Amino acid sequence: MWRSGAPLVALKLSSTLLYSAATGMLLVINKIQPSQLAEEQRNVARLFKQLNGQIRTTLALGNPTAMDVKDAMEKVLALDKAYPLPLIGTMLDKFPAAVEHAVWWPQQQKRCSHRRAEKNGWSGKLEEEMKQIVELLKMKDIQEYVRLSKLALKVSKILAITGPLLTGLAAVGSALVGMGSPLHGSWAVFLGVVAGVMASVVNTLEHGGQVGMVFEMYRSSAGFFKLMEEYIKSTLKGKRGEERMESYLK
């Protein structure tokens, strides 16, 4: 009797342990969201490289001022705050309660010169066209990417919860195999097999489809359009051509 039951016990134990380990691993992986983390670090690497080029351009032009140094420091600190080092310090929340566009530029950049020049290089028609572009960015592009970010985040949350839940049910079903009546045993086998298959499908959709990366991509795209909107607004508020060129180079 013991010999006939030994293979079943070994199968139950191994299956239960494997599903339990898969549940724990999924909880950790879904918390970290590797694809989203990779997209975040790709963005911050590109932004730091861009900032490095801007600083080198300022040095190449010669005679950097204290304002140039302060501006560069503010940009570095803003990037560090927007994209902290993962798994070391404070990691970005992968499932934020409120979805907003990414912000990696200093808030001081919103400040603009209050001095309105008589001739700042912009014609009235051109200023009106730029204002229309700002409204288009605000009403269409930014809102659309934020909406897509919310949709991707909702899908990511559902998949992140469903995956470990299914592997947990599969572990329970495996542990109940061979216990009680044959009918209960059949249901336990069905639960373990079906939940395991569905968990594989869900996790493939989540991580194979890189849903977290899609969410971060949409959020960053909305941030780029927001930065463009703020830059156009500050440009329209009275900067002269030379000041605009200097701001662009920085």
C-alpha atoms as a PDB file:
ATOM      1  CA  MET A   1       0.000   0.000   0.000  1.00  0.00           C
ATOM      2  CA  TRP A   2       2.831   2.390   0.882  1.00  0.00           C
ATOM      3  CA  ARG A   3       4.650   1.505  -2.333  1.00  0.00           C
ATOM      4  CA  SER A   4       1.583   2.221  -4.496  1.00  0.00           C
ATOM      5  CA  GLY A   5       1.005   5.570  -2.804  1.00  0.00           C
ATOM      6  CA  ALA A   6       4.618   6.744  -2.865  1.00  0.00           C
ATOM      7  CA  PRO A   7       4.625   7.992  -6.495  1.00  0.00           C
ATOM      8  CA  LEU A   8       1.418   9.960  -5.882  1.00  0.00           C
ATOM      9  CA  VAL A   9       2.825  11.556  -2.740  1.00  0.00           C
ATOM     10  CA  ALA A  10       6.052  12.474  -4.538  1.00  0.00           C
ATOM     11  CA  LEU A  11       4.093  13.935  -7.454  1.00  0.00           C
ATOM     12  CA  LYS A  12       1.835  15.922  -5.132  1.00  0.00           C
ATOM     13  CA  LEU A  13       4.780  17.248  -3.142  1.00  0.00           C
ATOM     14  CA  SER A  14       6.835  18.276  -6.149  1.00  0.00           C
ATOM     15  CA  SER A  15       3.856  19.875  -7.909  1.00  0.00           C
ATOM     16  CA  THR A  16       2.796  21.775  -4.800  1.00  0.00           C
ATOM     17  CA  LEU A  17       6.324  23.002  -4.125  1.00  0.00           C
ATOM     18  CA  LEU A  18       6.818  24.098  -7.743  1.00  0.00           C
ATOM     19  CA  TYR A  19       3.539  26.006  -7.839  1.00  0.00           C
ATOM     20  CA  SER A  20       4.270  27.590  -4.445  1.00  0.00           C
ATOM     21  CA  ALA A  21       7.731  28.676  -5.610  1.00  0.00           C
ATOM     22  CA  ALA A  22       6.218  30.041  -8.829  1.00  0.00           C
ATOM     23  CA  THR A  23       3.712  32.042  -6.783  1.00  0.00           C
ATOM     24  CA  GLY A  24       6.478  33.605  -4.690  1.00  0.00           C
ATOM     25  CA  MET A  25       8.612  34.397  -7.715  1.00  0.00           C
ATOM     26  CA  LEU A  26       5.666  35.967  -9.532  1.00  0.00           C
ATOM     27  CA  LEU A  27       4.883  38.180  -6.541  1.00  0.00           C
ATOM     28  CA  VAL A  28       8.442  39.508  -6.587  1.00  0.00           C
ATOM     29  CA  ILE A  29       8.650  39.871 -10.373  1.00  0.00           C
ATOM     30  CA  ASN A  30       5.261  41.575 -10.633  1.00  0.00           C
ATOM     31  CA  LYS A  31       6.328  44.012  -7.930  1.00  0.00           C
ATOM     32  CA  ILE A  32       9.529  44.892  -9.810  1.00  0.00           C
ATOM     33  CA  GLN A  33       8.066  44.727 -13.356  1.00  0.00           C
ATOM     34  CA  PRO A  34      11.338  44.051 -15.240  1.00  0.00           C
ATOM     35  CA  SER A  35      10.125  45.333 -18.640  1.00  0.00           C
ATOM     36  CA  GLN A  36       8.907  48.596 -17.105  1.00  0.00           C
ATOM     37  CA  LEU A  37      12.133  48.929 -15.136  1.00  0.00           C
ATOM     38  CA  ALA A  38      14.171  48.437 -18.316  1.00  0.00           C
ATOM     39  CA  GLU A  39      12.172  51.140 -20.113  1.00  0.00           C
ATOM     40  CA  GLU A  40      12.670  53.557 -17.205  1.00  0.00           C
ATOM     41  CA  GLN A  41      16.430  53.025 -17.224  1.00  0.00           C
ATOM     42  CA  ARG A  42      16.573  53.345 -21.009  1.00  0.00           C
ATOM     43  CA  ASN A  43      14.809  56.702 -20.755  1.00  0.00           C
ATOM     44  CA  VAL A  44      17.017  58.025 -17.970  1.00  0.00           C
ATOM     45  CA  ALA A  45      20.188  56.885 -19.772  1.00  0.00           C
ATOM     46  CA  ARG A  46      19.099  58.802 -22.868  1.00  0.00           C
ATOM     47  CA  LEU A  47      18.208  61.896 -20.831  1.00  0.00           C
ATOM     48  CA  PHE A  48      21.532  61.872 -18.952  1.00  0.00           C
ATOM     49  CA  LYS A  49      23.372  61.484 -22.250  1.00  0.00           C
ATOM     50  CA  GLN A  50      21.432  64.442 -23.634  1.00  0.00           C
ATOM     51  CA  LEU A  51      22.225  66.502 -20.534  1.00  0.00           C
ATOM     52  CA  ASN A  52      25.898  65.588 -20.851  1.00  0.00           C
ATOM     53  CA  GLY A  53      25.866  66.887 -24.428  1.00  0.00           C
ATOM     54  CA  GLN A  54      24.196  70.132 -23.322  1.00  0.00           C
ATOM     55  CA  ILE A  55      26.804  70.709 -20.615  1.00  0.00           C
ATOM     56  CA  ARG A  56      29.634  70.025 -23.075  1.00  0.00           C
ATOM     57  CA  THR A  57      28.064  72.505 -25.504  1.00  0.00           C
ATOM     58  CA  THR A  58      27.926  75.163 -22.772  1.00  0.00           C
ATOM     59  CA  LEU A  59      31.587  74.567 -21.931  1.00  0.00           C
ATOM     60  CA  ALA A  60      32.555  74.637 -25.586  1.00  0.00           C
ATOM     61  CA  LEU A  61      30.892  78.035 -26.010  1.00  0.00           C
ATOM     62  CA  GLY A  62      33.122  79.331 -23.207  1.00  0.00           C
ATOM     63  CA  ASN A  63      32.634  81.499 -20.129  1.00  0.00           C
ATOM     64  CA  PRO A  64      29.974  79.462 -18.294  1.00  0.00           C
ATOM     65  CA  THR A  65      28.210  81.468 -15.607  1.00  0.00           C
ATOM     66  CA  ALA A  66      26.984  80.582 -12.138  1.00  0.00           C
ATOM     67  CA  MET A  67      23.476  80.394 -13.608  1.00  0.00           C
ATOM     68  CA  ASP A  68      24.685  77.733 -16.060  1.00  0.00           C
ATOM     69  CA  VAL A  69      26.070  75.668 -13.182  1.00  0.00           C
ATOM     70  CA  LYS A  70      22.868  76.067 -11.167  1.00  0.00           C
ATOM     71  CA  ASP A  71      20.751  75.112 -14.162  1.00  0.00           C
ATOM     72  CA  ALA A  72      22.814  71.962 -14.789  1.00  0.00           C
ATOM     73  CA  MET A  73      22.609  70.956 -11.116  1.00  0.00           C
ATOM     74  CA  GLU A  74      18.842  71.442 -11.089  1.00  0.00           C
ATOM     75  CA  LYS A  75      18.491  69.231 -14.146  1.00  0.00           C
ATOM     76  CA  VAL A  76      20.654  66.497 -12.616  1.00  0.00           C
ATOM     77  CA  LEU A  77      18.696  66.558  -9.351  1.00  0.00           C
ATOM     78  CA  ALA A  78      15.393  66.529 -11.233  1.00  0.00           C
ATOM     79  CA  LEU A  79      16.492  63.452 -13.192  1.00  0.00           C
ATOM     80  CA  ASP A  80      17.649  61.693 -10.010  1.00  0.00           C
ATOM     81  CA  LYS A  81      14.285  62.414  -8.402  1.00  0.00           C
ATOM     82  CA  ALA A  82      12.264  61.337 -11.440  1.00  0.00           C
ATOM     83  CA  TYR A  83      14.245  58.118 -11.999  1.00  0.00           C
ATOM     84  CA  PRO A  84      15.834  56.897  -8.738  1.00  0.00           C
ATOM     85  CA  LEU A  85      18.235  53.963  -8.793  1.00  0.00           C
ATOM     86  CA  PRO A  86      16.151  50.751  -8.815  1.00  0.00           C
ATOM     87  CA  LEU A  87      16.414  48.069  -6.134  1.00  0.00           C
ATOM     88  CA  ILE A  88      18.810  50.272  -4.130  1.00  0.00           C
ATOM     89  CA  GLY A  89      16.930  53.339  -3.003  1.00  0.00           C
ATOM     90  CA  THR A  90      13.350  54.331  -3.650  1.00  0.00           C
ATOM     91  CA  MET A  91      12.036  52.533  -6.700  1.00  0.00           C
ATOM     92  CA  LEU A  92       9.313  54.123  -8.800  1.00  0.00           C
ATOM     93  CA  ASP A  93       5.835  52.873  -7.972  1.00  0.00           C
ATOM     94  CA  LYS A  94       4.930  50.412 -10.710  1.00  0.00           C
ATOM     95  CA  PHE A  95       1.206  50.662  -9.933  1.00  0.00           C
ATOM     96  CA  PRO A  96       0.537  54.314  -9.033  1.00  0.00           C
ATOM     97  CA  ALA A  97      -2.898  55.280  -7.775  1.00  0.00           C
ATOM     98  CA  ALA A  98      -3.001  58.310 -10.085  1.00  0.00           C
ATOM     99  CA  VAL A  99      -1.535  58.217 -13.590  1.00  0.00           C
ATOM    100  CA  GLU A 100       0.226  61.404 -14.665  1.00  0.00           C
ATOM    101  CA  HIS A 101       2.755  62.269 -17.315  1.00  0.00           C
ATOM    102  CA  ALA A 102       6.407  61.746 -16.432  1.00  0.00           C
ATOM    103  CA  VAL A 103       8.280  64.846 -15.204  1.00  0.00           C
ATOM    104  CA  TRP A 104      12.077  64.832 -15.357  1.00  0.00           C
ATOM    105  CA  TRP A 105      12.825  68.548 -15.799  1.00  0.00           C
ATOM    106  CA  PRO A 106      13.214  71.159 -13.032  1.00  0.00           C
ATOM    107  CA  GLN A 107      10.032  72.914 -12.027  1.00  0.00           C
ATOM    108  CA  GLN A 108      12.012  76.159 -12.079  1.00  0.00           C
ATOM    109  CA  GLN A 109      12.039  75.824 -15.846  1.00  0.00           C
ATOM    110  CA  LYS A 110       8.425  76.970 -15.785  1.00  0.00           C
ATOM    111  CA  ARG A 111       9.620  80.373 -14.766  1.00  0.00           C
ATOM    112  CA  CYS A 112      10.096  82.741 -17.630  1.00  0.00           C
ATOM    113  CA  SER A 113      11.194  86.268 -18.095  1.00  0.00           C
ATOM    114  CA  HIS A 114       8.497  88.708 -16.989  1.00  0.00           C
ATOM    115  CA  ARG A 115      10.024  91.333 -19.207  1.00  0.00           C
ATOM    116  CA  ARG A 116       8.002  91.510 -22.405  1.00  0.00           C
ATOM    117  CA  ALA A 117      10.031  92.963 -25.253  1.00  0.00           C
ATOM    118  CA  GLU A 118       8.463  95.111 -27.900  1.00  0.00           C
ATOM    119  CA  LYS A 119      10.071  93.064 -30.655  1.00  0.00           C
ATOM    120  CA  ASN A 120      10.856  89.548 -29.603  1.00  0.00           C
ATOM    121  CA  GLY A 121      11.163  88.012 -33.055  1.00  0.00           C
ATOM    122  CA  TRP A 122       7.618  86.641 -33.163  1.00  0.00           C
ATOM    123  CA  SER A 123       4.911  87.996 -35.422  1.00  0.00           C
ATOM    124  CA  GLY A 124       1.326  88.068 -34.235  1.00  0.00           C
ATOM    125  CA  LYS A 125       0.328  85.369 -36.707  1.00  0.00           C
ATOM    126  CA  LEU A 126       3.172  83.109 -35.640  1.00  0.00           C
ATOM    127  CA  GLU A 127       2.326  83.543 -31.956  1.00  0.00           C
ATOM    128  CA  GLU A 128      -1.291  82.612 -32.671  1.00  0.00           C
ATOM    129  CA  GLU A 129      -0.204  79.491 -34.542  1.00  0.00           C
ATOM    130  CA  MET A 130       2.062  78.467 -31.671  1.00  0.00           C
ATOM    131  CA  LYS A 131      -0.805  78.949 -29.205  1.00  0.00           C
ATOM    132  CA  GLN A 132      -2.933  76.670 -31.342  1.00  0.00           C
ATOM    133  CA  ILE A 133      -0.174  74.059 -31.249  1.00  0.00           C
ATOM    134  CA  VAL A 134      -0.117  74.311 -27.446  1.00  0.00           C
ATOM    135  CA  GLU A 135      -3.873  73.746 -27.266  1.00  0.00           C
ATOM    136  CA  LEU A 136      -3.558  70.806 -29.633  1.00  0.00           C
ATOM    137  CA  LEU A 137      -0.831  69.265 -27.490  1.00  0.00           C
ATOM    138  CA  LYS A 138      -2.887  69.747 -24.347  1.00  0.00           C
ATOM    139  CA  MET A 139      -6.266  68.596 -25.647  1.00  0.00           C
ATOM    140  CA  LYS A 140      -5.154  65.750 -27.923  1.00  0.00           C
ATOM    141  CA  ASP A 141      -1.646  64.363 -27.548  1.00  0.00           C
ATOM    142  CA  ILE A 142      -1.143  64.640 -23.781  1.00  0.00           C
ATOM    143  CA  GLN A 143      -4.660  63.480 -22.916  1.00  0.00           C
ATOM    144  CA  GLU A 144      -4.473  60.610 -25.389  1.00  0.00           C
ATOM    145  CA  TYR A 145      -1.179  59.281 -24.036  1.00  0.00           C
ATOM    146  CA  VAL A 146      -2.375  59.648 -20.441  1.00  0.00           C
ATOM    147  CA  ARG A 147      -5.537  57.722 -21.368  1.00  0.00           C
ATOM    148  CA  LEU A 148      -3.466  54.961 -22.956  1.00  0.00           C
ATOM    149  CA  SER A 149      -1.224  54.928 -19.863  1.00  0.00           C
ATOM    150  CA  LYS A 150      -4.265  54.377 -17.642  1.00  0.00           C
ATOM    151  CA  LEU A 151      -5.473  51.559 -19.869  1.00  0.00           C
ATOM    152  CA  ALA A 152      -2.063  49.855 -19.886  1.00  0.00           C
ATOM    153  CA  LEU A 153      -1.792  50.245 -16.112  1.00  0.00           C
ATOM    154  CA  LYS A 154      -5.232  48.699 -15.596  1.00  0.00           C
ATOM    155  CA  VAL A 155      -4.303  45.697 -17.745  1.00  0.00           C
ATOM    156  CA  SER A 156      -0.961  45.381 -15.924  1.00  0.00           C
ATOM    157  CA  LYS A 157      -2.678  45.404 -12.510  1.00  0.00           C
ATOM    158  CA  ILE A 158      -5.174  42.721 -13.544  1.00  0.00           C
ATOM    159  CA  LEU A 159      -2.478  40.454 -14.948  1.00  0.00           C
ATOM    160  CA  ALA A 160      -0.139  41.047 -11.985  1.00  0.00           C
ATOM    161  CA  ILE A 161      -2.858  39.954  -9.541  1.00  0.00           C
ATOM    162  CA  THR A 162      -4.277  37.113 -11.630  1.00  0.00           C
ATOM    163  CA  GLY A 163      -0.954  35.343 -12.251  1.00  0.00           C
ATOM    164  CA  PRO A 164       0.033  34.629  -8.625  1.00  0.00           C
ATOM    165  CA  LEU A 165      -3.607  33.925  -7.745  1.00  0.00           C
ATOM    166  CA  LEU A 166      -3.820  31.184 -10.364  1.00  0.00           C
ATOM    167  CA  THR A 167      -0.517  29.583  -9.371  1.00  0.00           C
ATOM    168  CA  GLY A 168      -1.674  29.681  -5.753  1.00  0.00           C
ATOM    169  CA  LEU A 169      -4.907  27.882  -6.707  1.00  0.00           C
ATOM    170  CA  ALA A 170      -2.864  25.361  -8.680  1.00  0.00           C
ATOM    171  CA  ALA A 171      -0.726  24.724  -5.586  1.00  0.00           C
ATOM    172  CA  VAL A 172      -3.857  24.141  -3.485  1.00  0.00           C
ATOM    173  CA  GLY A 173      -5.303  21.826  -6.116  1.00  0.00           C
ATOM    174  CA  SER A 174      -2.068  19.812  -6.258  1.00  0.00           C
ATOM    175  CA  ALA A 175      -2.016  19.467  -2.478  1.00  0.00           C
ATOM    176  CA  LEU A 176      -5.604  18.142  -2.449  1.00  0.00           C
ATOM    177  CA  VAL A 177      -5.015  15.446  -5.066  1.00  0.00           C
ATOM    178  CA  GLY A 178      -5.760  11.976  -3.629  1.00  0.00           C
ATOM    179  CA  MET A 179      -7.497  13.297  -0.535  1.00  0.00           C
ATOM    180  CA  GLY A 180     -11.117  12.528   0.244  1.00  0.00           C
ATOM    181  CA  SER A 181     -13.521  10.915  -2.232  1.00  0.00           C
ATOM    182  CA  PRO A 182     -12.578  10.206  -5.874  1.00  0.00           C
ATOM    183  CA  LEU A 183     -14.915  13.011  -6.938  1.00  0.00           C
ATOM    184  CA  HIS A 184     -13.040  15.512  -4.787  1.00  0.00           C
ATOM    185  CA  GLY A 185      -9.779  14.128  -6.111  1.00  0.00           C
ATOM    186  CA  SER A 186     -10.916  14.686  -9.691  1.00  0.00           C
ATOM    187  CA  TRP A 187     -11.853  18.279  -8.926  1.00  0.00           C
ATOM    188  CA  ALA A 188      -8.456  18.807  -7.286  1.00  0.00           C
ATOM    189  CA  VAL A 189      -6.690  17.494 -10.395  1.00  0.00           C
ATOM    190  CA  PHE A 190      -8.865  19.682 -12.616  1.00  0.00           C
ATOM    191  CA  LEU A 191      -8.134  22.729 -10.455  1.00  0.00           C
ATOM    192  CA  GLY A 192      -4.396  22.111 -10.456  1.00  0.00           C
ATOM    193  CA  VAL A 193      -4.142  21.514 -14.216  1.00  0.00           C
ATOM    194  CA  VAL A 194      -6.490  24.286 -15.389  1.00  0.00           C
ATOM    195  CA  ALA A 195      -5.159  26.909 -12.944  1.00  0.00           C
ATOM    196  CA  GLY A 196      -1.591  26.037 -13.934  1.00  0.00           C
ATOM    197  CA  VAL A 197      -2.342  26.373 -17.653  1.00  0.00           C
ATOM    198  CA  MET A 198      -4.197  29.661 -17.173  1.00  0.00           C
ATOM    199  CA  ALA A 199      -1.341  30.996 -15.031  1.00  0.00           C
ATOM    200  CA  SER A 200       1.096  30.227 -17.839  1.00  0.00           C
ATOM    201  CA  VAL A 201      -1.103  32.093 -20.338  1.00  0.00           C
ATOM    202  CA  VAL A 202      -1.543  35.106 -18.035  1.00  0.00           C
ATOM    203  CA  ASN A 203       2.153  35.399 -17.236  1.00  0.00           C
ATOM    204  CA  THR A 204       3.063  35.053 -20.907  1.00  0.00           C
ATOM    205  CA  LEU A 205       0.688  37.885 -21.772  1.00  0.00           C
ATOM    206  CA  GLU A 206       2.006  40.095 -18.979  1.00  0.00           C
ATOM    207  CA  HIS A 207       5.748  39.626 -19.343  1.00  0.00           C
ATOM    208  CA  GLY A 208       5.955  38.379 -22.916  1.00  0.00           C
ATOM    209  CA  GLY A 209       3.760  41.276 -23.998  1.00  0.00           C
ATOM    210  CA  GLN A 210       5.809  43.649 -21.780  1.00  0.00           C
ATOM    211  CA  VAL A 211       2.735  45.467 -20.525  1.00  0.00           C
ATOM    212  CA  GLY A 212       4.772  47.373 -17.951  1.00  0.00           C
ATOM    213  CA  MET A 213       7.088  48.693 -20.648  1.00  0.00           C
ATOM    214  CA  VAL A 214       4.073  49.852 -22.685  1.00  0.00           C
ATOM    215  CA  PHE A 215       2.728  51.758 -19.667  1.00  0.00           C
ATOM    216  CA  GLU A 216       6.058  53.509 -19.080  1.00  0.00           C
ATOM    217  CA  MET A 217       6.423  54.276 -22.787  1.00  0.00           C
ATOM    218  CA  TYR A 218       3.022  55.998 -22.913  1.00  0.00           C
ATOM    219  CA  ARG A 219       3.712  57.873 -19.660  1.00  0.00           C
ATOM    220  CA  SER A 220       7.063  59.118 -20.947  1.00  0.00           C
ATOM    221  CA  SER A 221       5.543  60.147 -24.280  1.00  0.00           C
ATOM    222  CA  ALA A 222       2.968  62.246 -22.427  1.00  0.00           C
ATOM    223  CA  GLY A 223       5.856  63.815 -20.498  1.00  0.00           C
ATOM    224  CA  PHE A 224       7.660  64.759 -23.714  1.00  0.00           C
ATOM    225  CA  PHE A 225       4.557  66.485 -25.039  1.00  0.00           C
ATOM    226  CA  LYS A 226       4.089  68.275 -21.685  1.00  0.00           C
ATOM    227  CA  LEU A 227       7.690  69.500 -21.819  1.00  0.00           C
ATOM    228  CA  MET A 228       7.119  70.749 -25.346  1.00  0.00           C
ATOM    229  CA  GLU A 229       3.977  72.580 -24.213  1.00  0.00           C
ATOM    230  CA  GLU A 230       5.796  74.288 -21.334  1.00  0.00           C
ATOM    231  CA  TYR A 231       8.717  75.247 -23.565  1.00  0.00           C
ATOM    232  CA  ILE A 232       6.419  76.844 -26.159  1.00  0.00           C
ATOM    233  CA  LYS A 233       4.518  78.725 -23.459  1.00  0.00           C
ATOM    234  CA  SER A 234       7.714  80.096 -21.919  1.00  0.00           C
ATOM    235  CA  THR A 235       8.973  81.029 -25.373  1.00  0.00           C
ATOM    236  CA  LEU A 236       5.821  82.987 -26.155  1.00  0.00           C
ATOM    237  CA  LYS A 237       6.104  85.023 -22.942  1.00  0.00           C
ATOM    238  CA  GLY A 238       8.417  87.691 -24.204  1.00  0.00           C
ATOM    239  CA  LYS A 239      11.813  86.075 -24.720  1.00  0.00           C
ATOM    240  CA  ARG A 240      13.961  87.633 -27.378  1.00  0.00           C
ATOM    241  CA  GLY A 241      15.460  85.572 -30.161  1.00  0.00           C
ATOM    242  CA  GLU A 242      18.879  85.453 -28.483  1.00  0.00           C
ATOM    243  CA  GLU A 243      17.348  84.300 -25.200  1.00  0.00           C
ATOM    244  CA  ARG A 244      15.352  81.594 -26.933  1.00  0.00           C
ATOM    245  CA  MET A 245      18.449  80.284 -28.669  1.00  0.00           C
ATOM    246  CA  GLU A 246      20.376  80.279 -25.390  1.00  0.00           C
ATOM    247  CA  SER A 247      17.517  78.451 -23.647  1.00  0.00           C
ATOM    248  CA  TYR A 248      17.379  75.907 -26.460  1.00  0.00           C
ATOM    249  CA  LEU A 249      21.115  75.205 -26.249  1.00  0.00           C
ATOM    250  CA  LYS A 250      20.801  74.630 -22.524  1.00  0.00           C
END
